[in-house]
């Protein structure tokens, strides 16, 4: 849609970066932990140049703690 974003130092246009996290229904993980994983994925997306999505899932260490 190329919506202008004149105040941005990152891009001339509005963009979106997404951090996506998922788990299987039988994995024991709290909502807060899942949000933390999605947040880390979001910052990875921004580090990769923004305007993209990073999909993440908890590793075994996160599920065991």
Protein backbone atom coordinates (compact mmCIF):
# COMPACT_ATOMS: atom_id res chain seq x y z
CA UNK A 1 0.00 0.00 0.00
CA UNK A 2 3.09 2.23 0.39
CA UNK A 3 1.67 4.32 3.21
CA UNK A 4 4.12 7.19 3.76
CA UNK A 5 5.99 7.25 7.07
CA UNK A 6 7.87 10.52 6.88
CA UNK A 7 9.11 10.52 10.49
CA UNK A 8 10.68 7.05 10.29
CA UNK A 9 14.43 6.59 10.11
CA UNK A 10 14.00 2.94 9.06
CA UNK A 11 11.80 3.28 5.97
CA UNK A 12 9.94 5.82 3.87
CA UNK A 13 6.83 3.67 4.17
CA UNK A 14 4.96 1.93 6.97
CA UNK A 15 6.18 -1.64 7.30
CA UNK A 16 5.48 -4.55 9.60
CA UNK A 17 7.80 -6.92 11.41
CA UNK A 18 6.31 -9.95 13.12
CA UNK A 19 7.51 -12.42 15.69
CA UNK A 20 5.49 -15.62 15.62
CA UNK A 21 5.70 -18.41 18.20
CA UNK A 22 3.91 -21.73 18.31
CA UNK A 23 3.81 -24.87 20.40
CA UNK A 24 2.04 -28.20 20.17
CA UNK A 25 -1.02 -28.64 22.38
CA UNK A 26 0.80 -31.15 24.60
CA UNK A 27 3.81 -28.92 25.35
CA UNK A 28 3.87 -27.50 28.86
CA UNK A 29 4.60 -23.79 28.47
CA UNK A 30 3.00 -20.75 30.05
CA UNK A 31 1.43 -17.92 28.09
CA UNK A 32 4.12 -15.57 29.41
CA UNK A 33 6.88 -17.88 28.11
CA UNK A 34 5.21 -18.13 24.71
CA UNK A 35 4.95 -14.33 24.51
CA UNK A 36 8.65 -14.04 25.43
CA UNK A 37 9.58 -16.40 22.58
CA UNK A 38 7.43 -14.39 20.14
CA UNK A 39 9.05 -11.17 21.38
CA UNK A 40 12.53 -12.57 20.72
CA UNK A 41 11.39 -13.56 17.23
CA UNK A 42 10.10 -10.02 16.66
CA UNK A 43 13.49 -8.52 17.47
CA UNK A 44 15.15 -11.06 15.17
CA UNK A 45 12.83 -9.88 12.38
CA UNK A 46 13.79 -6.27 13.03
CA UNK A 47 17.49 -7.16 13.01
CA UNK A 48 17.02 -8.86 9.63
CA UNK A 49 16.03 -5.58 8.06
CA UNK A 50 12.43 -5.19 9.18
CA UNK A 51 9.34 -5.78 7.06
CA UNK A 52 9.48 -9.55 7.58
CA UNK A 53 8.33 -12.32 9.89
CA UNK A 54 10.35 -14.75 12.01
CA UNK A 55 8.71 -17.94 13.22
CA UNK A 56 10.03 -19.52 16.40
CA UNK A 57 9.20 -22.35 18.73
CA UNK A 58 10.56 -23.14 22.17
CA UNK A 59 13.63 -25.33 22.24
CA UNK A 60 13.92 -28.34 24.53
CA UNK A 61 15.74 -26.35 27.25
CA UNK A 62 12.85 -23.87 27.46
CA UNK A 63 10.33 -26.69 27.71
CA UNK A 64 12.28 -28.51 30.43
CA UNK A 65 12.63 -25.55 32.76
